[in-house]
Every structure is written in structure tokens, then in C-alpha cells.
Amino acid sequence: MTTAISTSKRCKTSKNSDEMQQQLLPGLPDHLGQLCLSHLKNSSFLLYSVCKSWRNLIYSESFPPFLSLYALLSSTNNNTTTNTATPSSPIQFSSFDPISSTWIPLPLPPPPDPDSSLQPLVLQHPSFLARNLPIQSVAVAGHLVLLAATTHNLLPALACPLIFNPISNKWCLGPPFSNPRRWCAAGSVHRSLYVASGIGSGYTQEIARSAERLDLKKSKARSEELEWEKVTPLKHGKFSREAVEAVGWRGKLYMVNVKGHAPKEGVVYNVENNLWEKMPEGMLFGWNGPATSMNEDVIYVVDEEKCVLKIYNPKTDCWDNVMESLKLKGAMQITAGGGKVCIVCTGGSDVVVVDVVHRPTSFWVVRPPMEKKFVAAHILPRLIPQETGHRNG
């Protein structure tokens, strides 16, 4: 009898102990514990290392999401076409979780309709041996948007944008473009997506000068209620020469028509006045590589020849050096968020992550998954996976 009572007490004590361990903060209801933990600086990194319940917490829908790197990846072999609609495709979208240092493949984008599949997206083509063909994507309003690409017939591959929501972990089809295009300017400002210039099945002055906007502030409405709106056209069609980024900064959209150090023209779209303006001379002079903005508040450019990351100073109309590294030689693309600037290195071999908040400036490297290379990178809220067990062990 004494043994039975003793065993019962031990079981009861063990049960109470397990319940205490399952609480986020012993003695506090979980909703108060979560409130306390969410206010810790760099809370996601700290909580992940402590215990299983805290690891579960940072991946839950109720906890403020940390930022992750999202990448368009291609195979390191020499396949000339890729198809995002097939599981065996050598191209894929993936998310890099900086907490667990894990690559997570995104689900496959949907076909335009149930009876068809996505057009093959071409990265290389016999007619363009010295360059890769662009696949253009933009991060806007917490979504990843695939906007433009080229088929093996040198036609626009997308009749509508493909929009990925990290919170729901799902893709959806955006409204059809009024003019499907490739080699265009693409970017965002004030949670609206913009495409401008480019070419369609062939060059036309109308498409080369055209520009349109998709307001994703309406994203809570059904996707079929979204539609593209035409904005004031460009003065000429010189921005259809290659794919370029349109950078949102302080209520305006900035872009140049040629990459690198070649002579170029820059324009600025004034969103409020629906007008195209001339780019400041100092900004244009130093825009010698891929560019991006951080929260639409500061602009960064990486000089791909001089291997320097720079920040634009509007007071002096010039670019100030942030950091220099040979890793930036031939940089392909740049994105920014959460105090970090991420730079896709030449050939897509690595992404250099630069901490631009703390001094001295530091950087580290993120490598792609095995047998993959980077095509583009973006910073967005982390995925909320359907199952988190593989992270919580």
C-alpha cells in the first residue's frame, strides 16, 4: 500500500513538472509569457536555443515573424530551360531560415488554369551566349511576386504575376497584365507593384513606353478584384534594353535604363503627381550596379566593378561608402530589410549578408543548397510551416 501511494505521488509530481515545463514562463499564463518574450531584443534567436516550447513559439502564427531570405535558385548544371511547374525542375523557390540555418523549398506555383502548365522559363538561350536571360521577381507588401521571364521562343513567359504569401505558405495568380512583357523595369513603392517598359512578343513603342501599377494594399480582397492600373507613360522607349530594378524611396520610384558603369539615363516616377521626373545628377552618376532600398527610407547600390557597397546621401547628392570586399565583384542583385543588405555574388555562388546597423560593419556568407545557385534573393517574413517538428527536436 505504501509503495502504491509513493508511486502515485511520483507520477503526480512528474505530471506537474511536465506541465510546468510546457508553460512558456512558469507561473504566468502563456499569453502573458508570450508578451514578455516577444519584447526581448533579437528574441527569435535567443528563444530558439533555450527549450522546445520556446522554439515552437517563434514559429507560431501568434508570434511576431522574424525575417528570412527567399531565393530563386537554379541548377548548377547547364540546362537551358527550367520549369517551375514540375517537381523535378532544376529551378525552385526556397526560403532560408536564419534561426535554424535550414533551406525550406516553397510549394510549386499554380498553373494559369487547371488544364495547362507554366511556360518553361529560360535562363540561357543559344541566341544570347554571353548572358543569362532575366527572371524578374519583386518583394512587395510582405509577398514574393514573380513578374517576368522568357520562354524558349523568346516570348513573355507570364500572362499574369505569380504571388506567394509566406503567412499562408501559398501561391495565387494575380490579375492578367494588360501587356505581358519581359526585359522590363520592376519594383514597388507604398505597397504597390510597378512594371514599366520592356518588350512583349516583339518591340513596340507602346509597350516600351507603358507603365502600370497593381495596388496590393487591396490584397485582403479577393485576388480577382485586383487589377492593373495604367500610369503616365515614359517619354521614350529606352528603358526596354534590359531588365532593371525600380527602387521605391520616399514616395517615388527610381530606375536607370542600363546596368553597370555604362552611360545611362535615370528617371523618377512621382507617385503622388503621376509624373516622370529627372533623376538627381549625383544619384545617377553613382548608380553603377544593382540597387535597393531599406524600408523605402535609404537607398543602397553595390558598385560591381569597384566592389563597394554604397548608401545614397540626399543632402549632398552623392554616394557614401559602407563597406568594401572582393566578394562584391560582379554582384548580380541586392535586397535589404531588417538592418541587413543581402548581395547575390557573381555567378550566384553565394549571398553576402551585410549588417548595416552596427559598427564596425560586418558581413557573412549564405550558401545555396547543394547543386544550386542563386538567381535572385529577397527578404520577407519567415514561413509558417504546416509542420514544425523538424525544427523543434
Protein backbone atom coordinates (compact mmCIF):
# COMPACT_ATOMS: atom_id res chain seq x y z
CA MET A 1 0.00 0.00 0.00
CA THR A 2 2.82 2.39 0.90
CA THR A 3 4.60 1.59 -2.36
CA ALA A 4 1.43 2.27 -4.37
CA ILE A 5 0.95 5.64 -2.66
CA SER A 6 4.61 6.54 -3.22
CA THR A 7 4.40 5.62 -6.91
CA SER A 8 1.22 7.66 -7.26
CA LYS A 9 2.90 10.71 -5.72
CA ARG A 10 5.88 10.38 -8.06
CA CYS A 11 3.60 10.15 -11.10
CA LYS A 12 1.65 13.19 -9.92
CA THR A 13 4.86 15.15 -9.31
CA SER A 14 6.22 14.17 -12.75
CA LYS A 15 2.97 15.25 -14.39
CA ASN A 16 3.04 18.62 -12.63
CA SER A 17 6.68 19.05 -13.61
CA ASP A 18 5.88 18.36 -17.29
CA GLU A 19 3.04 20.89 -17.18
CA MET A 20 5.38 23.49 -15.70
CA GLN A 21 7.95 22.82 -18.44
CA GLN A 22 5.26 23.28 -21.09
CA GLN A 23 4.47 26.74 -19.80
CA LEU A 24 6.38 29.50 -21.57
CA LEU A 25 7.20 31.21 -18.27
CA PRO A 26 6.40 29.22 -15.10
CA GLY A 27 3.71 30.88 -13.02
CA LEU A 28 2.37 33.04 -15.88
CA PRO A 29 -0.43 32.30 -18.33
CA ASP A 30 1.02 31.66 -21.78
CA HIS A 31 -0.47 34.79 -23.33
CA LEU A 32 1.39 36.91 -20.77
CA GLY A 33 4.53 34.82 -21.17
CA GLN A 34 4.44 35.33 -24.93
CA LEU A 35 4.02 39.09 -24.44
CA CYS A 36 7.12 39.19 -22.24
CA LEU A 37 9.24 37.04 -24.56
CA SER A 38 8.29 38.94 -27.71
CA HIS A 39 9.81 42.13 -26.26
CA LEU A 40 13.29 40.62 -25.94
CA LYS A 41 15.87 42.07 -28.33
CA ASN A 42 16.64 39.53 -31.08
CA SER A 43 14.06 37.37 -29.36
CA SER A 44 13.77 34.71 -32.08
CA PHE A 45 17.50 33.90 -32.00
CA LEU A 46 17.54 33.79 -28.19
CA LEU A 47 14.38 31.73 -27.75
CA TYR A 48 15.35 29.09 -30.29
CA SER A 49 18.32 28.00 -28.18
CA VAL A 50 16.51 27.62 -24.85
CA CYS A 51 13.82 24.94 -24.98
CA LYS A 52 11.31 23.15 -27.19
CA SER A 53 8.28 25.19 -26.11
CA TRP A 54 10.08 28.43 -26.95
CA ARG A 55 11.16 27.05 -30.33
CA ASN A 56 7.54 26.16 -31.02
CA LEU A 57 6.52 29.67 -30.02
CA ILE A 58 8.72 31.56 -32.51
CA TYR A 59 7.26 29.55 -35.40
CA SER A 60 3.65 30.02 -34.33
CA GLU A 61 1.25 32.36 -36.09
CA SER A 62 0.77 34.43 -32.95
CA PHE A 63 4.46 35.35 -32.52
CA PRO A 64 5.93 38.32 -34.44
CA PRO A 65 7.61 36.77 -37.52
CA PHE A 66 11.35 37.17 -37.99
CA LEU A 67 12.72 37.92 -41.44
CA SER A 68 14.10 35.24 -43.75
CA LEU A 69 15.94 35.13 -47.05
CA TYR A 70 13.86 33.98 -50.02
CA ALA A 71 15.71 32.87 -53.12
CA LEU A 72 15.09 31.88 -56.69
CA LEU A 73 17.54 29.03 -57.27
CA SER A 74 18.70 27.31 -60.43
CA SER A 75 20.63 24.13 -61.01
CA THR A 76 24.41 24.32 -61.29
CA ASN A 77 24.30 22.18 -64.44
CA ASN A 78 23.98 23.75 -67.87
CA ASN A 79 20.30 23.11 -68.61
CA THR A 80 18.99 25.92 -70.79
CA THR A 81 15.35 25.82 -69.76
CA THR A 82 13.63 25.44 -66.44
CA ASN A 83 10.06 24.79 -65.49
CA THR A 84 8.74 25.91 -62.12
CA ALA A 85 5.65 23.72 -62.53
CA THR A 86 7.35 20.32 -62.33
CA PRO A 87 8.72 18.71 -59.16
CA SER A 88 11.93 17.62 -60.93
CA SER A 89 12.66 21.13 -62.16
CA PRO A 90 16.23 22.41 -61.71
CA ILE A 91 14.77 25.76 -60.68
CA GLN A 92 12.94 26.38 -57.43
CA PHE A 93 11.91 28.95 -54.86
CA SER A 94 13.26 28.37 -51.36
CA SER A 95 13.42 30.15 -48.02
CA PHE A 96 16.49 30.21 -45.79
CA ASP A 97 15.58 30.15 -42.10
CA PRO A 98 18.35 32.15 -40.34
CA ILE A 99 17.44 30.74 -36.94
CA SER A 100 17.84 27.07 -37.79
CA SER A 101 20.13 27.64 -40.83
CA THR A 102 17.79 25.50 -42.90
CA TRP A 103 16.69 25.78 -46.54
CA ILE A 104 12.95 25.16 -46.99
CA PRO A 105 11.55 24.65 -50.51
CA LEU A 106 8.43 26.67 -51.27
CA PRO A 107 5.40 24.91 -52.76
CA LEU A 108 5.09 24.87 -56.53
CA PRO A 109 3.41 27.86 -58.17
CA PRO A 110 0.00 27.15 -59.66
CA PRO A 111 -0.60 26.79 -63.41
CA PRO A 112 -2.54 29.62 -65.09
CA ASP A 113 -5.55 27.29 -65.40
CA PRO A 114 -6.28 23.67 -64.42
CA ASP A 115 -5.78 22.41 -67.99
CA SER A 116 -2.34 23.96 -68.58
CA SER A 117 1.09 24.33 -67.02
CA LEU A 118 3.52 27.19 -66.67
CA GLN A 119 5.60 28.06 -69.70
CA PRO A 120 9.24 26.96 -69.40
CA LEU A 121 11.38 29.81 -68.07
CA VAL A 122 14.62 30.27 -69.96
CA LEU A 123 17.83 31.28 -68.21
CA GLN A 124 20.12 30.61 -71.18
CA HIS A 125 19.46 30.66 -74.91
CA PRO A 126 21.65 29.98 -77.98
CA SER A 127 20.89 33.49 -79.25
CA PHE A 128 22.40 35.02 -76.07
CA LEU A 129 25.53 33.01 -75.34
CA ALA A 130 27.24 35.76 -73.32
CA ARG A 131 24.41 36.47 -70.87
CA ASN A 132 21.63 34.90 -68.85
CA LEU A 133 18.07 35.85 -69.60
CA PRO A 134 16.39 37.53 -66.61
CA ILE A 135 13.68 36.08 -64.41
CA GLN A 136 12.25 39.11 -62.61
CA SER A 137 10.78 38.97 -59.12
CA VAL A 138 9.89 41.59 -56.51
CA ALA A 139 9.16 41.61 -52.77
CA VAL A 140 6.20 43.87 -52.01
CA ALA A 141 3.71 44.19 -49.14
CA GLY A 142 5.07 41.03 -47.50
CA HIS A 143 4.64 38.97 -50.69
CA LEU A 144 7.03 37.48 -53.21
CA VAL A 145 5.94 38.20 -56.78
CA LEU A 146 7.24 36.55 -59.95
CA LEU A 147 6.68 39.08 -62.72
CA ALA A 148 8.52 38.43 -65.95
CA ALA A 149 10.57 35.81 -67.73
CA THR A 150 11.26 34.50 -71.23
CA THR A 151 10.26 31.27 -72.99
CA HIS A 152 12.47 29.26 -75.35
CA ASN A 153 10.66 31.05 -78.22
CA LEU A 154 11.81 34.40 -76.76
CA LEU A 155 8.26 35.34 -75.73
CA PRO A 156 6.94 36.61 -72.38
CA ALA A 157 6.51 33.55 -70.13
CA LEU A 158 3.93 35.02 -67.75
CA ALA A 159 0.50 36.34 -68.63
CA CYS A 160 -0.08 37.30 -65.00
CA PRO A 161 2.08 37.66 -61.87
CA LEU A 162 2.51 34.71 -59.51
CA ILE A 163 2.14 35.90 -55.91
CA PHE A 164 3.44 33.97 -52.89
CA ASN A 165 2.23 34.73 -49.35
CA PRO A 166 4.68 33.47 -46.65
CA ILE A 167 1.99 33.60 -43.96
CA SER A 168 -0.38 31.23 -45.75
CA ASN A 169 2.51 29.41 -47.49
CA LYS A 170 0.53 29.52 -50.73
CA TRP A 171 0.78 30.93 -54.25
CA CYS A 172 -2.02 32.66 -56.10
CA LEU A 173 -2.44 34.11 -59.56
CA GLY A 174 -2.53 37.88 -59.86
CA PRO A 175 -4.66 39.74 -62.39
CA PRO A 176 -3.59 39.44 -66.04
CA PHE A 177 -1.14 42.01 -67.39
CA SER A 178 -2.60 44.39 -69.93
CA ASN A 179 0.64 43.71 -71.82
CA PRO A 180 2.73 40.64 -70.87
CA ARG A 181 6.35 41.72 -71.05
CA ARG A 182 9.98 40.80 -70.44
CA TRP A 183 13.20 42.81 -70.02
CA CYS A 184 11.22 45.44 -68.14
CA ALA A 185 11.70 47.65 -65.09
CA ALA A 186 10.03 46.20 -61.99
CA GLY A 187 9.74 47.42 -58.41
CA SER A 188 7.45 48.62 -55.64
CA VAL A 189 6.60 51.66 -53.56
CA HIS A 190 3.89 52.22 -50.93
CA ARG A 191 2.83 48.54 -51.12
CA SER A 192 2.08 48.85 -54.85
CA LEU A 193 3.78 46.87 -57.59
CA TYR A 194 5.02 48.61 -60.76
CA VAL A 195 6.18 47.36 -64.15
CA ALA A 196 7.39 49.68 -66.86
CA SER A 197 8.81 49.48 -70.38
CA GLY A 198 10.18 46.18 -71.69
CA ILE A 199 9.15 44.24 -74.75
CA GLY A 200 6.36 41.76 -75.50
CA SER A 201 6.44 39.21 -78.30
CA GLY A 202 8.44 41.88 -80.12
CA TYR A 203 9.41 45.51 -79.70
CA THR A 204 6.65 48.09 -79.87
CA GLN A 205 6.86 51.73 -78.88
CA GLU A 206 3.59 51.41 -76.99
CA ILE A 207 4.83 48.69 -74.61
CA ALA A 208 8.33 50.22 -74.36
CA ARG A 209 6.81 53.46 -73.02
CA SER A 210 3.97 51.96 -70.95
CA ALA A 211 3.83 51.58 -67.17
CA GLU A 212 1.23 50.08 -64.86
CA ARG A 213 0.57 49.57 -61.17
CA LEU A 214 -1.01 46.85 -59.03
CA ASP A 215 -2.14 48.05 -55.60
CA LEU A 216 -1.51 45.22 -53.13
CA LYS A 217 -2.95 47.27 -50.26
CA LYS A 218 -6.15 45.69 -51.56
CA SER A 219 -4.69 42.22 -51.06
CA LYS A 220 -7.20 41.40 -48.34
CA ALA A 221 -9.81 41.48 -51.06
CA ARG A 222 -10.15 38.51 -53.39
CA SER A 223 -7.37 38.35 -55.97
CA GLU A 224 -9.89 38.58 -58.80
CA GLU A 225 -10.84 42.04 -57.51
CA LEU A 226 -7.28 43.31 -58.07
CA GLU A 227 -6.46 44.87 -61.40
CA TRP A 228 -3.61 46.68 -63.12
CA GLU A 229 -3.93 50.44 -63.48
CA LYS A 230 -2.13 52.36 -66.20
CA VAL A 231 0.06 55.27 -65.10
CA THR A 232 1.64 58.06 -67.10
CA PRO A 233 3.81 56.54 -69.85
CA LEU A 234 7.54 57.14 -70.14
CA LYS A 235 8.77 59.83 -72.54
CA HIS A 236 10.53 57.24 -74.73
CA GLY A 237 11.23 53.51 -75.02
CA LYS A 238 14.90 53.46 -73.98
CA PHE A 239 14.16 51.50 -70.79
CA SER A 240 13.46 48.29 -72.69
CA ARG A 241 17.13 47.45 -73.29
CA GLU A 242 17.48 45.11 -70.29
CA ALA A 243 15.76 44.05 -67.09
CA VAL A 244 16.33 46.61 -64.33
CA GLU A 245 15.13 47.20 -60.79
CA ALA A 246 12.81 50.10 -59.98
CA VAL A 247 13.63 51.19 -56.41
CA GLY A 248 10.97 52.68 -54.14
CA TRP A 249 12.28 55.53 -51.99
CA ARG A 250 10.36 58.20 -50.07
CA GLY A 251 7.21 58.01 -52.15
CA LYS A 252 8.92 57.83 -55.53
CA LEU A 253 10.22 55.13 -57.85
CA TYR A 254 13.81 55.39 -59.16
CA MET A 255 15.35 53.48 -62.07
CA VAL A 256 18.09 53.60 -64.69
CA ASN A 257 17.99 52.08 -68.16
CA VAL A 258 21.41 50.38 -68.23
CA LYS A 259 23.30 48.33 -65.65
CA GLY A 260 26.90 48.76 -64.53
CA HIS A 261 29.23 51.63 -65.45
CA ALA A 262 27.90 52.20 -68.98
CA PRO A 263 26.45 55.65 -69.80
CA LYS A 264 22.85 55.65 -68.70
CA GLU A 265 19.69 57.63 -68.19
CA GLY A 266 17.77 57.78 -64.93
CA VAL A 267 14.14 58.67 -64.27
CA VAL A 268 11.96 59.07 -61.19
CA TYR A 269 8.24 58.33 -61.02
CA ASN A 270 6.41 60.71 -58.66
CA VAL A 271 3.58 58.58 -57.31
CA GLU A 272 1.57 61.45 -55.83
CA ASN A 273 1.63 63.55 -59.00
CA ASN A 274 1.66 60.65 -61.51
CA LEU A 275 4.62 62.23 -63.31
CA TRP A 276 8.07 61.14 -64.51
CA GLU A 277 10.93 63.36 -63.36
CA LYS A 278 14.66 63.58 -63.96
CA MET A 279 16.95 61.69 -61.58
CA PRO A 280 19.35 63.84 -59.48
CA GLU A 281 22.76 64.06 -61.17
CA GLY A 282 24.80 62.73 -58.25
CA MET A 283 22.46 59.79 -57.78
CA LEU A 284 22.68 58.89 -61.46
CA PHE A 285 26.47 59.27 -61.55
CA GLY A 286 26.99 56.78 -58.70
CA TRP A 287 24.30 54.27 -59.71
CA ASN A 288 26.85 51.76 -61.00
CA GLY A 289 25.34 48.42 -60.11
CA PRO A 290 22.35 46.68 -58.53
CA ALA A 291 20.32 48.92 -56.19
CA THR A 292 17.68 48.51 -53.50
CA SER A 293 16.07 50.38 -50.61
CA MET A 294 15.67 49.60 -46.92
CA ASN A 295 12.06 50.20 -45.87
CA GLU A 296 11.87 52.77 -48.69
CA ASP A 297 13.91 55.07 -46.41
CA VAL A 298 17.52 54.66 -47.62
CA ILE A 299 18.95 53.52 -50.97
CA TYR A 300 21.92 51.20 -51.36
CA VAL A 301 23.88 50.40 -54.51
CA VAL A 302 26.71 47.91 -54.94
CA ASP A 303 29.40 49.03 -57.39
CA GLU A 304 30.02 45.72 -59.11
CA GLU A 305 33.39 46.82 -60.54
CA LYS A 306 34.88 48.61 -57.53
CA CYS A 307 33.47 46.00 -55.08
CA VAL A 308 31.92 48.66 -52.82
CA LEU A 309 28.52 48.83 -51.12
CA LYS A 310 27.32 52.45 -51.00
CA ILE A 311 24.46 54.41 -49.44
CA TYR A 312 22.87 57.47 -51.04
CA ASN A 313 23.15 60.77 -49.18
CA PRO A 314 20.33 63.08 -50.36
CA LYS A 315 21.82 66.10 -48.60
CA THR A 316 24.98 66.03 -50.72
CA ASP A 317 23.55 64.14 -53.71
CA CYS A 318 26.38 61.61 -53.56
CA TRP A 319 27.04 58.02 -52.52
CA ASP A 320 28.94 57.22 -49.30
CA ASN A 321 30.92 54.00 -48.88
CA VAL A 322 29.54 51.42 -46.44
CA MET A 323 31.92 48.51 -46.93
CA GLU A 324 34.32 47.06 -49.48
CA SER A 325 35.04 43.43 -50.28
CA LEU A 326 36.27 41.46 -53.27
CA LYS A 327 33.22 39.22 -52.70
CA LEU A 328 31.14 42.02 -54.27
CA LYS A 329 32.94 41.83 -57.61
CA GLY A 330 30.36 41.29 -60.34
CA ALA A 331 27.42 41.40 -57.90
CA MET A 332 24.19 40.35 -59.61
CA GLN A 333 21.43 41.62 -57.35
CA ILE A 334 20.81 43.27 -53.98
CA THR A 335 17.98 43.36 -51.45
CA ALA A 336 17.58 44.86 -47.97
CA GLY A 337 15.48 44.51 -44.82
CA GLY A 338 15.73 44.26 -41.06
CA GLY A 339 19.03 46.13 -40.94
CA LYS A 340 20.69 43.71 -43.37
CA VAL A 341 21.71 44.14 -47.01
CA CYS A 342 21.92 40.89 -48.98
CA ILE A 343 24.01 40.81 -52.15
CA VAL A 344 23.90 37.97 -54.70
CA CYS A 345 27.51 37.32 -55.76
CA THR A 346 28.73 36.81 -59.30
CA GLY A 347 27.52 33.55 -60.81
CA GLY A 348 25.05 33.11 -57.95
CA SER A 349 27.64 31.27 -55.86
CA ASP A 350 26.80 32.97 -52.54
CA VAL A 351 24.79 35.70 -50.87
CA VAL A 352 26.79 38.19 -48.81
CA VAL A 353 24.78 39.45 -45.82
CA VAL A 354 25.92 42.86 -44.54
CA ASP A 355 24.89 44.21 -41.14
CA VAL A 356 24.49 47.93 -41.86
CA VAL A 357 23.18 48.83 -38.38
CA HIS A 358 26.11 48.03 -36.12
CA ARG A 359 29.60 49.46 -36.34
CA PRO A 360 32.06 48.35 -37.45
CA THR A 361 30.17 46.92 -40.42
CA SER A 362 30.32 43.14 -40.54
CA PHE A 363 29.23 40.57 -43.10
CA TRP A 364 28.86 36.83 -43.53
CA VAL A 365 28.01 34.47 -46.35
CA VAL A 366 24.93 32.31 -47.00
CA ARG A 367 25.49 29.44 -49.40
CA PRO A 368 22.77 27.90 -51.58
CA PRO A 369 21.59 24.31 -51.21
CA MET A 370 23.69 21.57 -52.81
CA GLU A 371 23.93 21.76 -56.61
CA LYS A 372 22.02 25.06 -56.68
CA LYS A 373 22.97 28.66 -57.34
CA PHE A 374 21.23 31.96 -56.68
CA VAL A 375 19.29 33.75 -59.39
CA ALA A 376 17.70 36.34 -57.09
CA ALA A 377 17.10 36.95 -53.39
CA HIS A 378 14.50 38.81 -51.32
CA ILE A 379 13.82 39.46 -47.62
CA LEU A 380 10.35 38.64 -46.31
CA PRO A 381 8.67 37.36 -43.11
CA ARG A 382 9.55 33.76 -42.33
CA LEU A 383 7.35 30.89 -43.40
CA ILE A 384 4.76 29.50 -41.04
CA PRO A 385 5.29 25.80 -41.87
CA GLN A 386 2.45 23.35 -41.66
CA GLU A 387 4.64 21.10 -39.52
CA THR A 388 7.41 22.42 -37.30
CA GLY A 389 8.58 19.17 -35.77
CA HIS A 390 11.78 19.02 -37.83
CA ARG A 391 12.89 22.26 -36.18
CA ASN A 392 11.88 21.51 -32.66
CA GLY A 393 13.66 18.32 -31.88
